[in-house]
N, C-alpha and C. Protein backbone atom coordinates (compact mmCIF):
# COMPACT_ATOMS: atom_id res chain seq x y z
N MET A 1 4.22 -10.37 0.53
CA MET A 1 3.89 -11.06 1.71
C MET A 1 2.54 -12.05 1.43
N HIS A 2 2.54 -13.05 1.71
CA HIS A 2 1.20 -13.96 1.42
C HIS A 2 0.99 -14.75 2.78
N ALA A 3 -0.27 -14.58 3.30
CA ALA A 3 -0.48 -15.02 4.73
C ALA A 3 -0.96 -16.41 4.45
N ARG A 4 -0.48 -17.34 5.19
CA ARG A 4 -1.08 -18.83 5.21
C ARG A 4 -1.87 -19.05 6.08
N PHE A 5 -1.97 -17.94 7.09
CA PHE A 5 -3.09 -17.82 8.30
C PHE A 5 -3.26 -16.35 8.58
N ALA A 6 -4.45 -16.18 9.26
CA ALA A 6 -4.60 -14.76 9.77
C ALA A 6 -3.41 -14.25 10.33
N VAL A 7 -2.94 -13.14 10.22
CA VAL A 7 -1.67 -12.42 10.69
C VAL A 7 -1.71 -10.96 10.99
N LYS A 8 -1.16 -10.31 11.87
CA LYS A 8 -1.01 -8.71 12.03
C LYS A 8 0.38 -8.43 11.58
N ALA A 9 0.51 -7.64 10.43
CA ALA A 9 1.76 -7.21 9.76
C ALA A 9 2.18 -6.01 10.53
N GLN A 10 3.13 -5.87 11.14
CA GLN A 10 3.62 -4.72 11.95
C GLN A 10 4.39 -3.73 10.97
N ASN A 11 4.12 -2.54 11.03
CA ASN A 11 4.62 -1.46 10.43
C ASN A 11 4.97 -0.32 11.04
N SER A 12 5.46 0.91 10.46
CA SER A 12 5.62 2.15 11.21
C SER A 12 4.54 2.87 11.27
N ALA A 13 4.66 3.92 12.00
CA ALA A 13 3.67 4.97 12.49
C ALA A 13 3.34 5.51 10.96
N PRO A 14 2.13 6.22 10.81
CA PRO A 14 0.86 6.46 11.77
C PRO A 14 0.11 5.18 11.99
N ASP A 15 0.02 4.33 11.30
CA ASP A 15 -0.73 3.16 11.17
C ASP A 15 0.22 1.89 11.14
N PRO A 16 0.51 1.35 12.82
CA PRO A 16 1.56 0.57 12.66
C PRO A 16 1.41 -1.04 12.37
N ALA A 17 -0.06 -1.35 12.12
CA ALA A 17 -0.37 -2.74 11.97
C ALA A 17 -1.32 -2.73 10.68
N VAL A 18 -1.18 -4.07 9.99
CA VAL A 18 -2.27 -4.24 8.97
C VAL A 18 -2.74 -5.67 9.28
N ASP A 19 -4.05 -5.93 9.29
CA ASP A 19 -4.45 -7.33 9.46
C ASP A 19 -4.68 -7.95 8.10
N LEU A 20 -4.05 -9.15 7.93
CA LEU A 20 -4.27 -9.82 6.69
C LEU A 20 -5.04 -11.18 7.13
N ALA A 21 -6.12 -11.37 6.16
CA ALA A 21 -6.87 -12.52 6.51
C ALA A 21 -6.22 -13.81 5.90
N ARG A 22 -6.51 -14.91 6.15
CA ARG A 22 -5.79 -16.25 5.47
C ARG A 22 -6.03 -16.12 4.26
N PHE A 23 -4.71 -16.30 3.53
CA PHE A 23 -4.35 -16.36 2.19
C PHE A 23 -4.53 -14.71 1.27
N GLU A 24 -4.82 -13.93 2.31
CA GLU A 24 -4.58 -12.58 1.64
C GLU A 24 -3.10 -12.16 1.47
N ALA A 25 -2.92 -11.31 0.39
CA ALA A 25 -1.44 -10.88 -0.15
C ALA A 25 -1.25 -9.45 0.16
N LEU A 26 -0.16 -9.20 0.42
CA LEU A 26 0.28 -7.81 0.67
C LEU A 26 1.40 -7.70 -0.27
N ARG A 27 1.26 -6.79 -1.13
CA ARG A 27 2.57 -6.68 -2.16
C ARG A 27 3.20 -5.23 -2.09
N THR A 28 4.46 -5.22 -2.24
CA THR A 28 5.12 -3.96 -2.17
C THR A 28 6.11 -3.75 -3.59
N GLU A 29 6.33 -2.51 -3.76
CA GLU A 29 6.89 -2.02 -4.88
C GLU A 29 7.84 -0.91 -4.48
N ILE A 30 8.97 -0.85 -4.84
CA ILE A 30 9.94 0.47 -4.43
C ILE A 30 10.28 0.87 -6.00
N SER A 31 9.97 2.12 -6.11
CA SER A 31 10.02 2.95 -7.32
C SER A 31 10.34 4.47 -7.20
N GLY A 32 11.08 4.97 -7.87
CA GLY A 32 11.30 6.42 -7.88
C GLY A 32 10.47 7.21 -8.98
N LYS A 33 9.84 6.36 -9.76
CA LYS A 33 9.14 7.03 -11.01
C LYS A 33 7.95 7.48 -10.74
N PHE A 34 7.18 7.12 -9.57
CA PHE A 34 5.84 7.55 -9.48
C PHE A 34 5.67 8.74 -8.57
N ARG A 35 4.54 9.37 -8.93
CA ARG A 35 4.14 10.63 -8.30
C ARG A 35 2.55 10.24 -7.84
N GLN A 36 1.93 10.99 -7.11
CA GLN A 36 0.41 10.62 -6.88
C GLN A 36 -0.50 10.54 -7.92
N HIS A 37 -0.37 11.21 -9.02
CA HIS A 37 -1.21 11.05 -10.06
C HIS A 37 -0.76 9.71 -10.93
N GLY A 38 0.45 9.45 -11.09
CA GLY A 38 0.75 8.27 -11.57
C GLY A 38 0.30 7.05 -10.96
N ILE A 39 0.46 7.15 -9.68
CA ILE A 39 0.04 5.89 -8.70
C ILE A 39 -1.59 5.72 -8.86
N ARG A 40 -2.37 6.88 -8.84
CA ARG A 40 -3.69 6.68 -9.01
C ARG A 40 -4.03 5.99 -10.41
N VAL A 41 -3.11 6.41 -11.56
CA VAL A 41 -3.61 6.02 -12.92
C VAL A 41 -3.24 4.37 -13.00
N GLU A 42 -1.99 4.24 -12.40
CA GLU A 42 -1.67 2.80 -12.40
C GLU A 42 -2.40 1.92 -11.70
N SER A 43 -2.70 2.33 -10.63
CA SER A 43 -3.56 1.42 -9.62
C SER A 43 -5.03 1.31 -10.07
N ALA A 44 -5.72 2.36 -10.95
CA ALA A 44 -6.98 2.15 -11.63
C ALA A 44 -6.91 1.11 -12.76
N ALA A 45 -5.82 1.17 -13.45
CA ALA A 45 -5.68 0.41 -14.56
C ALA A 45 -5.49 -1.32 -14.24
N ALA A 46 -5.08 -1.25 -12.85
CA ALA A 46 -4.88 -2.63 -12.36
C ALA A 46 -6.19 -3.17 -11.59
N GLY A 47 -7.15 -2.30 -11.46
CA GLY A 47 -8.51 -2.26 -10.90
C GLY A 47 -8.33 -2.07 -9.21
N PHE A 48 -7.44 -1.24 -9.02
CA PHE A 48 -7.29 -0.78 -7.34
C PHE A 48 -7.69 0.73 -7.34
N ALA A 49 -7.83 1.06 -6.27
CA ALA A 49 -8.07 2.42 -5.89
C ALA A 49 -6.97 2.76 -4.70
N LEU A 50 -6.45 4.12 -4.86
CA LEU A 50 -5.81 4.48 -3.91
C LEU A 50 -6.13 4.83 -2.58
N GLY A 51 -5.90 4.47 -1.44
CA GLY A 51 -6.35 4.60 -0.12
C GLY A 51 -5.81 5.68 0.56
N ARG A 52 -4.75 5.16 1.11
CA ARG A 52 -4.07 6.32 2.04
C ARG A 52 -2.52 6.45 1.42
N ARG A 53 -2.12 7.65 1.80
CA ARG A 53 -0.37 7.92 1.58
C ARG A 53 0.30 8.48 2.85
N TRP A 54 1.48 8.05 2.83
CA TRP A 54 2.15 8.79 4.08
C TRP A 54 3.59 9.16 3.41
N ASN A 55 3.98 10.39 3.87
CA ASN A 55 5.22 11.00 3.34
C ASN A 55 6.10 10.92 4.36
N ASP A 56 7.36 10.99 4.01
CA ASP A 56 8.48 11.41 4.98
C ASP A 56 8.41 12.84 5.44
N SER A 57 9.11 13.02 6.49
CA SER A 57 9.06 14.55 6.98
C SER A 57 9.72 15.42 6.02
N ASP A 58 10.65 15.01 5.04
CA ASP A 58 11.33 15.90 4.06
C ASP A 58 10.48 15.92 2.66
N GLY A 59 9.42 15.04 2.56
CA GLY A 59 8.63 15.05 1.44
C GLY A 59 9.34 14.15 0.23
N ARG A 60 10.39 13.49 0.55
CA ARG A 60 11.06 12.55 -0.50
C ARG A 60 10.48 11.33 -0.87
N PHE A 61 9.83 10.51 0.33
CA PHE A 61 9.34 9.27 -0.03
C PHE A 61 7.76 9.45 0.42
N THR A 62 7.09 8.29 -0.29
CA THR A 62 5.60 8.28 -0.17
C THR A 62 5.42 6.69 0.06
N ARG A 63 4.71 6.21 0.82
CA ARG A 63 4.26 5.08 0.92
C ARG A 63 2.66 5.17 0.85
N SER A 64 2.16 4.08 -0.24
CA SER A 64 0.78 4.22 -0.65
C SER A 64 0.17 2.90 -0.26
N LEU A 65 -1.18 2.89 0.13
CA LEU A 65 -1.97 1.76 0.53
C LEU A 65 -3.05 1.79 -0.82
N THR A 66 -3.22 0.50 -1.35
CA THR A 66 -4.36 0.77 -2.47
C THR A 66 -5.19 -0.58 -1.90
N PHE A 67 -6.36 -0.61 -2.47
CA PHE A 67 -7.47 -1.53 -2.07
C PHE A 67 -8.13 -1.68 -3.46
N PRO A 68 -8.57 -3.11 -3.60
CA PRO A 68 -9.40 -3.30 -4.84
C PRO A 68 -10.48 -2.30 -5.04
N ALA A 69 -10.61 -1.97 -6.33
CA ALA A 69 -11.64 -0.85 -6.60
C ALA A 69 -13.15 -1.64 -6.36
N THR A 70 -14.02 -0.86 -6.02
CA THR A 70 -15.51 -1.50 -5.81
C THR A 70 -16.37 -0.61 -6.69
């Protein structure tokens, strides 16, 4: 997702919305190969830090939110 103007992207619980500034991008990837350690390593290599993670109730799926590393 690439915001051409400021927008609030609706999402599912626990954090139902993400605010995007003008020209800010939100990227997604669907993959079955990553575990938490791999996500941290891949993110760090790309200059990002793992922020939050959400798991489904059965522990099969994880959604991760990363931020530019500072």
